[in-house]
PDB file of N, CA and C in Angstrom:
ATOM      1  N   MET A   1     -20.646  -3.089  -9.645  1.00  0.00           N
ATOM      2  CA  MET A   1     -19.993  -3.865  -8.619  1.00  0.00           C
ATOM      3  C   MET A   1     -19.434  -2.903  -7.572  1.00  0.00           C
ATOM      4  N   LYS A   2     -19.619  -3.231  -6.324  1.00  0.00           N
ATOM      5  CA  LYS A   2     -19.105  -2.415  -5.233  1.00  0.00           C
ATOM      6  C   LYS A   2     -18.015  -3.191  -4.507  1.00  0.00           C
ATOM      7  N   LEU A   3     -16.911  -2.511  -4.279  1.00  0.00           N
ATOM      8  CA  LEU A   3     -15.808  -3.091  -3.528  1.00  0.00           C
ATOM      9  C   LEU A   3     -15.732  -2.411  -2.170  1.00  0.00           C
ATOM     10  N   SER A   4     -15.432  -3.189  -1.155  1.00  0.00           N
ATOM     11  CA  SER A   4     -15.219  -2.584   0.156  1.00  0.00           C
ATOM     12  C   SER A   4     -13.902  -1.807   0.123  1.00  0.00           C
ATOM     13  N   ARG A   5     -13.771  -0.908   1.051  1.00  0.00           N
ATOM     14  CA  ARG A   5     -12.541  -0.112   1.113  1.00  0.00           C
ATOM     15  C   ARG A   5     -11.334  -1.016   1.362  1.00  0.00           C
ATOM     16  N   GLY A   6     -11.484  -1.994   2.227  1.00  0.00           N
ATOM     17  CA  GLY A   6     -10.381  -2.914   2.519  1.00  0.00           C
ATOM     18  C   GLY A   6      -9.961  -3.712   1.298  1.00  0.00           C
ATOM     19  N   MET A   7     -10.940  -4.216   0.544  1.00  0.00           N
ATOM     20  CA  MET A   7     -10.624  -4.981  -0.658  1.00  0.00           C
ATOM     21  C   MET A   7      -9.975  -4.082  -1.704  1.00  0.00           C
ATOM     22  N   SER A   8     -10.450  -2.852  -1.810  1.00  0.00           N
ATOM     23  CA  SER A   8      -9.857  -1.905  -2.757  1.00  0.00           C
ATOM     24  C   SER A   8      -8.395  -1.636  -2.409  1.00  0.00           C
ATOM     25  N   LEU A   9      -8.110  -1.459  -1.143  1.00  0.00           N
ATOM     26  CA  LEU A   9      -6.729  -1.233  -0.717  1.00  0.00           C
ATOM     27  C   LEU A   9      -5.864  -2.462  -0.972  1.00  0.00           C
ATOM     28  N   PHE A  10      -6.438  -3.646  -0.790  1.00  0.00           N
ATOM     29  CA  PHE A  10      -5.716  -4.881  -1.102  1.00  0.00           C
ATOM     30  C   PHE A  10      -5.361  -4.935  -2.587  1.00  0.00           C
ATOM     31  N   LEU A  11      -6.294  -4.555  -3.455  1.00  0.00           N
ATOM     32  CA  LEU A  11      -6.035  -4.562  -4.892  1.00  0.00           C
ATOM     33  C   LEU A  11      -4.953  -3.550  -5.263  1.00  0.00           C
ATOM     34  N   VAL A  12      -4.972  -2.398  -4.633  1.00  0.00           N
ATOM     35  CA  VAL A  12      -3.919  -1.403  -4.874  1.00  0.00           C
ATOM     36  C   VAL A  12      -2.566  -1.966  -4.438  1.00  0.00           C
ATOM     37  N   ALA A  13      -2.533  -2.589  -3.270  1.00  0.00           N
ATOM     38  CA  ALA A  13      -1.287  -3.179  -2.773  1.00  0.00           C
ATOM     39  C   ALA A  13      -0.787  -4.267  -3.718  1.00  0.00           C
ATOM     40  N   PHE A  14      -1.702  -5.061  -4.256  1.00  0.00           N
ATOM     41  CA  PHE A  14      -1.323  -6.100  -5.215  1.00  0.00           C
ATOM     42  C   PHE A  14      -0.700  -5.482  -6.461  1.00  0.00           C
ATOM     43  N   GLY A  15      -1.293  -4.410  -6.958  1.00  0.00           N
ATOM     44  CA  GLY A  15      -0.756  -3.732  -8.133  1.00  0.00           C
ATOM     45  C   GLY A  15       0.639  -3.175  -7.886  1.00  0.00           C
ATOM     46  N   VAL A  16       0.832  -2.562  -6.732  1.00  0.00           N
ATOM     47  CA  VAL A  16       2.152  -2.024  -6.380  1.00  0.00           C
ATOM     48  C   VAL A  16       3.158  -3.163  -6.234  1.00  0.00           C
ATOM     49  N   TRP A  17       2.746  -4.224  -5.567  1.00  0.00           N
ATOM     50  CA  TRP A  17       3.613  -5.386  -5.361  1.00  0.00           C
ATOM     51  C   TRP A  17       4.073  -5.960  -6.702  1.00  0.00           C
ATOM     52  N   SER A  18       3.181  -6.017  -7.670  1.00  0.00           N
ATOM     53  CA  SER A  18       3.538  -6.527  -8.995  1.00  0.00           C
ATOM     54  C   SER A  18       4.649  -5.693  -9.619  1.00  0.00           C
ATOM     55  N   TRP A  19       4.562  -4.381  -9.464  1.00  0.00           N
ATOM     56  CA  TRP A  19       5.571  -3.503 -10.051  1.00  0.00           C
ATOM     57  C   TRP A  19       6.868  -3.492  -9.248  1.00  0.00           C
ATOM     58  N   VAL A  20       6.843  -3.982  -8.016  1.00  0.00           N
ATOM     59  CA  VAL A  20       8.073  -4.105  -7.228  1.00  0.00           C
ATOM     60  C   VAL A  20       8.781  -5.419  -7.557  1.00  0.00           C
ATOM     61  N   ILE A  21       8.027  -6.500  -7.668  1.00  0.00           N
ATOM     62  CA  ILE A  21       8.599  -7.835  -7.825  1.00  0.00           C
ATOM     63  C   ILE A  21       9.053  -8.137  -9.247  1.00  0.00           C
ATOM     64  N   TRP A  22       8.195  -7.917 -10.230  1.00  0.00           N
ATOM     65  CA  TRP A  22       8.478  -8.398 -11.587  1.00  0.00           C
ATOM     66  C   TRP A  22       9.662  -7.714 -12.260  1.00  0.00           C
ATOM     67  N   PRO A  23       9.892  -6.415 -12.107  1.00  0.00           N
ATOM     68  CA  PRO A  23      11.120  -5.849 -12.699  1.00  0.00           C
ATOM     69  C   PRO A  23      12.399  -6.457 -12.110  1.00  0.00           C
ATOM     70  N   ASN A  24      12.377  -6.776 -10.813  1.00  0.00           N
ATOM     71  CA  ASN A  24      13.535  -7.446 -10.209  1.00  0.00           C
ATOM     72  C   ASN A  24      13.736  -8.830 -10.812  1.00  0.00           C
ATOM     73  N   PHE A  25      12.646  -9.534 -11.049  1.00  0.00           N
ATOM     74  CA  PHE A  25      12.721 -10.850 -11.675  1.00  0.00           C
ATOM     75  C   PHE A  25      13.288 -10.723 -13.089  1.00  0.00           C
ATOM     76  N   LEU A  26      12.874  -9.693 -13.818  1.00  0.00           N
ATOM     77  CA  LEU A  26      13.391  -9.474 -15.173  1.00  0.00           C
ATOM     78  C   LEU A  26      14.903  -9.245 -15.149  1.00  0.00           C
ATOM     79  N   ARG A  27      15.380  -8.461 -14.187  1.00  0.00           N
ATOM     80  CA  ARG A  27      16.827  -8.239 -14.088  1.00  0.00           C
ATOM     81  C   ARG A  27      17.559  -9.554 -13.824  1.00  0.00           C
ATOM     82  N   ALA A  28      16.990 -10.403 -12.983  1.00  0.00           N
ATOM     83  CA  ALA A  28      17.619 -11.695 -12.687  1.00  0.00           C
ATOM     84  C   ALA A  28      17.622 -12.599 -13.921  1.00  0.00           C
ATOM     85  N   ILE A  29      16.523 -12.637 -14.649  1.00  0.00           N
ATOM     86  CA  ILE A  29      16.446 -13.457 -15.860  1.00  0.00           C
ATOM     87  C   ILE A  29      17.408 -12.918 -16.912  1.00  0.00           C
ATOM     88  N   TRP A  30      17.503 -11.601 -17.025  1.00  0.00           N
ATOM     89  CA  TRP A  30      18.390 -10.975 -18.012  1.00  0.00           C
ATOM     90  C   TRP A  30      19.845 -11.408 -17.789  1.00  0.00           C
ATOM     91  N   LYS A  31      20.248 -11.515 -16.530  1.00  0.00           N
ATOM     92  CA  LYS A  31      21.631 -11.878 -16.194  1.00  0.00           C
ATOM     93  C   LYS A  31      21.879 -13.382 -16.249  1.00  0.00           C
ATOM     94  N   ASP A  32      20.831 -14.184 -16.280  1.00  0.00           N
ATOM     95  CA  ASP A  32      20.970 -15.640 -16.283  1.00  0.00           C
ATOM     96  C   ASP A  32      21.608 -16.104 -17.594  1.00  0.00           C
ATOM     97  N   PRO A  33      22.649 -16.934 -17.516  1.00  0.00           N
ATOM     98  CA  PRO A  33      23.310 -17.388 -18.747  1.00  0.00           C
ATOM     99  C   PRO A  33      22.403 -18.219 -19.661  1.00  0.00           C
ATOM    100  N   ARG A  34      21.357 -18.807 -19.106  1.00  0.00           N
ATOM    101  CA  ARG A  34      20.430 -19.591 -19.939  1.00  0.00           C
ATOM    102  C   ARG A  34      19.574 -18.702 -20.834  1.00  0.00           C
ATOM    103  N   SER A  35      19.577 -17.396 -20.591  1.00  0.00           N
ATOM    104  CA  SER A  35      18.737 -16.477 -21.354  1.00  0.00           C
ATOM    105  C   SER A  35      19.323 -16.114 -22.712  1.00  0.00           C
ATOM    106  N   TRP A  36      20.626 -16.272 -22.856  1.00  0.00           N
ATOM    107  CA  TRP A  36      21.284 -15.794 -24.081  1.00  0.00           C
ATOM    108  C   TRP A  36      22.175 -16.874 -24.665  1.00  0.00           C
ATOM    109  N   ASP A  37      22.041 -17.077 -25.945  1.00  0.00           N
ATOM    110  CA  ASP A  37      22.917 -17.974 -26.697  1.00  0.00           C
ATOM    111  C   ASP A  37      23.051 -17.383 -28.097  1.00  0.00           C
ATOM    112  N   GLY A  38      23.725 -16.244 -28.170  1.00  0.00           N
ATOM    113  CA  GLY A  38      23.813 -15.521 -29.424  1.00  0.00           C
ATOM    114  C   GLY A  38      22.597 -14.637 -29.660  1.00  0.00           C
ATOM    115  N   GLY A  39      21.573 -14.832 -28.886  1.00  0.00           N
ATOM    116  CA  GLY A  39      20.323 -14.080 -28.950  1.00  0.00           C
ATOM    117  C   GLY A  39      19.428 -14.586 -27.833  1.00  0.00           C
ATOM    118  N   PRO A  40      18.242 -14.038 -27.725  1.00  0.00           N
ATOM    119  CA  PRO A  40      17.346 -14.505 -26.662  1.00  0.00           C
ATOM    120  C   PRO A  40      16.929 -15.963 -26.897  1.00  0.00           C
ATOM    121  N   THR A  41      16.954 -16.745 -25.832  1.00  0.00           N
ATOM    122  CA  THR A  41      16.565 -18.154 -25.914  1.00  0.00           C
ATOM    123  C   THR A  41      15.086 -18.304 -25.566  1.00  0.00           C
ATOM    124  N   ALA A  42      14.582 -19.517 -25.725  1.00  0.00           N
ATOM    125  CA  ALA A  42      13.189 -19.802 -25.355  1.00  0.00           C
ATOM    126  C   ALA A  42      12.983 -19.563 -23.858  1.00  0.00           C
ATOM    127  N   PHE A  43      13.989 -19.883 -23.052  1.00  0.00           N
ATOM    128  CA  PHE A  43      13.934 -19.642 -21.609  1.00  0.00           C
ATOM    129  C   PHE A  43      13.640 -18.169 -21.331  1.00  0.00           C
ATOM    130  N   PHE A  44      14.362 -17.287 -22.009  1.00  0.00           N
ATOM    131  CA  PHE A  44      14.167 -15.851 -21.830  1.00  0.00           C
ATOM    132  C   PHE A  44      12.798 -15.415 -22.338  1.00  0.00           C
ATOM    133  N   THR A  45      12.423 -15.891 -23.507  1.00  0.00           N
ATOM    134  CA  THR A  45      11.160 -15.484 -24.121  1.00  0.00           C
ATOM    135  C   THR A  45       9.967 -15.877 -23.261  1.00  0.00           C
ATOM    136  N   VAL A  46       9.974 -17.093 -22.762  1.00  0.00           N
ATOM    137  CA  VAL A  46       8.868 -17.560 -21.913  1.00  0.00           C
ATOM    138  C   VAL A  46       8.764 -16.700 -20.656  1.00  0.00           C
ATOM    139  N   HIS A  47       9.889 -16.415 -20.044  1.00  0.00           N
ATOM    140  CA  HIS A  47       9.859 -15.610 -18.828  1.00  0.00           C
ATOM    141  C   HIS A  47       9.482 -14.158 -19.119  1.00  0.00           C
ATOM    142  N   LEU A  48       9.898 -13.650 -20.263  1.00  0.00           N
ATOM    143  CA  LEU A  48       9.522 -12.292 -20.636  1.00  0.00           C
ATOM    144  C   LEU A  48       8.011 -12.183 -20.836  1.00  0.00           C
ATOM    145  N   VAL A  49       7.413 -13.174 -21.487  1.00  0.00           N
ATOM    146  CA  VAL A  49       5.952 -13.180 -21.667  1.00  0.00           C
ATOM    147  C   VAL A  49       5.264 -13.240 -20.304  1.00  0.00           C
ATOM    148  N   LEU A  50       5.770 -14.066 -19.403  1.00  0.00           N
ATOM    149  CA  LEU A  50       5.218 -14.164 -18.050  1.00  0.00           C
ATOM    150  C   LEU A  50       5.286 -12.816 -17.333  1.00  0.00           C
ATOM    151  N   ILE A  51       6.414 -12.146 -17.447  1.00  0.00           N
ATOM    152  CA  ILE A  51       6.600 -10.859 -16.778  1.00  0.00           C
ATOM    153  C   ILE A  51       5.667  -9.803 -17.351  1.00  0.00           C
ATOM    154  N   VAL A  52       5.583  -9.730 -18.674  1.00  0.00           N
ATOM    155  CA  VAL A  52       4.721  -8.731 -19.313  1.00  0.00           C
ATOM    156  C   VAL A  52       3.260  -8.965 -18.935  1.00  0.00           C
ATOM    157  N   ALA A  53       2.821 -10.222 -18.974  1.00  0.00           N
ATOM    158  CA  ALA A  53       1.433 -10.533 -18.608  1.00  0.00           C
ATOM    159  C   ALA A  53       1.171 -10.185 -17.142  1.00  0.00           C
ATOM    160  N   SER A  54       2.107 -10.516 -16.272  1.00  0.00           N
ATOM    161  CA  SER A  54       1.928 -10.234 -14.843  1.00  0.00           C
ATOM    162  C   SER A  54       1.883  -8.738 -14.566  1.00  0.00           C
ATOM    163  N   LEU A  55       2.714  -7.968 -15.254  1.00  0.00           N
ATOM    164  CA  LEU A  55       2.673  -6.514 -15.082  1.00  0.00           C
ATOM    165  C   LEU A  55       1.369  -5.936 -15.613  1.00  0.00           C
ATOM    166  N   ALA A  56       0.885  -6.480 -16.720  1.00  0.00           N
ATOM    167  CA  ALA A  56      -0.392  -6.000 -17.271  1.00  0.00           C
ATOM    168  C   ALA A  56      -1.534  -6.300 -16.305  1.00  0.00           C
ATOM    169  N   PHE A  57      -1.586  -7.535 -15.803  1.00  0.00           N
ATOM    170  CA  PHE A  57      -2.642  -7.888 -14.846  1.00  0.00           C
ATOM    171  C   PHE A  57      -2.507  -7.078 -13.562  1.00  0.00           C
ATOM    172  N   GLY A  58      -1.278  -6.908 -13.074  1.00  0.00           N
ATOM    173  CA  GLY A  58      -1.058  -6.117 -11.867  1.00  0.00           C
ATOM    174  C   GLY A  58      -1.506  -4.678 -12.037  1.00  0.00           C
ATOM    175  N   THR A  59      -1.266  -4.124 -13.220  1.00  0.00           N
ATOM    176  CA  THR A  59      -1.688  -2.750 -13.493  1.00  0.00           C
ATOM    177  C   THR A  59      -3.203  -2.638 -13.502  1.00  0.00           C
ATOM    178  N   VAL A  60      -3.854  -3.554 -14.196  1.00  0.00           N
ATOM    179  CA  VAL A  60      -5.326  -3.529 -14.264  1.00  0.00           C
ATOM    180  C   VAL A  60      -5.928  -3.704 -12.873  1.00  0.00           C
ATOM    181  N   ILE A  61      -5.399  -4.645 -12.111  1.00  0.00           N
ATOM    182  CA  ILE A  61      -5.915  -4.892 -10.763  1.00  0.00           C
ATOM    183  C   ILE A  61      -5.679  -3.671  -9.870  1.00  0.00           C
ATOM    184  N   GLY A  62      -4.504  -3.056  -9.981  1.00  0.00           N
ATOM    185  CA  GLY A  62      -4.218  -1.855  -9.203  1.00  0.00           C
ATOM    186  C   GLY A  62      -5.138  -0.700  -9.557  1.00  0.00           C
ATOM    187  N   VAL A  63      -5.417  -0.529 -10.853  1.00  0.00           N
ATOM    188  CA  VAL A  63      -6.329   0.538 -11.286  1.00  0.00           C
ATOM    189  C   VAL A  63      -7.732   0.287 -10.746  1.00  0.00           C
ATOM    190  N   LEU A  64      -8.179  -0.960 -10.772  1.00  0.00           N
ATOM    191  CA  LEU A  64      -9.491  -1.279 -10.192  1.00  0.00           C
ATOM    192  C   LEU A  64      -9.518  -0.935  -8.706  1.00  0.00           C
ATOM    193  N   GLY A  65      -8.418  -1.221  -8.008  1.00  0.00           N
ATOM    194  CA  GLY A  65      -8.332  -0.878  -6.595  1.00  0.00           C
ATOM    195  C   GLY A  65      -8.388   0.620  -6.354  1.00  0.00           C
ATOM    196  N   VAL A  66      -7.667   1.382  -7.168  1.00  0.00           N
ATOM    197  CA  VAL A  66      -7.688   2.844  -7.037  1.00  0.00           C
ATOM    198  C   VAL A  66      -9.091   3.371  -7.289  1.00  0.00           C
ATOM    199  N   ARG A  67      -9.746   2.840  -8.304  1.00  0.00           N
ATOM    200  CA  ARG A  67     -11.118   3.278  -8.586  1.00  0.00           C
ATOM    201  C   ARG A  67     -12.050   2.929  -7.425  1.00  0.00           C
ATOM    202  N   GLY A  68     -11.831   1.765  -6.810  1.00  0.00           N
ATOM    203  CA  GLY A  68     -12.641   1.381  -5.657  1.00  0.00           C
ATOM    204  C   GLY A  68     -12.415   2.293  -4.465  1.00  0.00           C
ATOM    205  N   VAL A  69     -11.155   2.653  -4.222  1.00  0.00           N
ATOM    206  CA  VAL A  69     -10.839   3.566  -3.110  1.00  0.00           C
ATOM    207  C   VAL A  69     -11.477   4.926  -3.357  1.00  0.00           C
ATOM    208  N   ARG A  70     -11.357   5.422  -4.587  1.00  0.00           N
ATOM    209  CA  ARG A  70     -11.947   6.728  -4.908  1.00  0.00           C
ATOM    210  C   ARG A  70     -13.465   6.692  -4.774  1.00  0.00           C
ATOM    211  N   ALA A  71     -14.085   5.601  -5.188  1.00  0.00           N
ATOM    212  CA  ALA A  71     -15.542   5.483  -5.076  1.00  0.00           C
ATOM    213  C   ALA A  71     -15.968   5.420  -3.613  1.00  0.00           C
ATOM    214  N   SER A  72     -15.181   4.738  -2.777  1.00  0.00           N
ATOM    215  CA  SER A  72     -15.550   4.648  -1.360  1.00  0.00           C
ATOM    216  C   SER A  72     -15.424   6.007  -0.677  1.00  0.00           C
ATOM    217  N   ARG A  73     -14.516   6.844  -1.147  1.00  0.00           N
ATOM    218  CA  ARG A  73     -14.386   8.194  -0.583  1.00  0.00           C
ATOM    219  C   ARG A  73     -15.606   9.040  -0.911  1.00  0.00           C
ATOM    220  N   THR A  74     -16.099   8.930  -2.137  1.00  0.00           N
ATOM    221  CA  THR A  74     -17.263   9.737  -2.514  1.00  0.00           C
ATOM    222  C   THR A  74     -18.514   9.258  -1.791  1.00  0.00           C
ATOM    223  N   LEU A  75     -18.584   7.967  -1.480  1.00  0.00           N
ATOM    224  CA  LEU A  75     -19.738   7.449  -0.740  1.00  0.00           C
ATOM    225  C   LEU A  75     -19.732   7.924   0.706  1.00  0.00           C
ATOM    226  N   ARG A  76     -18.545   8.133   1.275  1.00  0.00           N
ATOM    227  CA  ARG A  76     -18.447   8.575   2.670  1.00  0.00           C
ATOM    228  C   ARG A  76     -18.854  10.029   2.837  1.00  0.00           C
ATOM    229  N   LYS A  77     -18.688  10.830   1.796  1.00  0.00           N
ATOM    230  CA  LYS A  77     -19.008  12.266   1.894  1.00  0.00           C
ATOM    231  C   LYS A  77     -20.446  12.477   1.833  1.00  0.00           C
TER     232      LYS A  77
END
């Protein structure tokens, strides 16, 4: 599969964006009183799973973008 340079850069930006947004969301959920009732609640657990999955997908997508950018550089030379 070949990615254009623009699409590769978009994927890298998406990966970076995921790592900027989701940790902030985790901090907000952590402070939310609905997250704790003597221990983690279902509210917290569901959001934690969402955050972990989103970071995993963001990482994979970002890595694909980096690989696409690197491949486009070698094609230009």
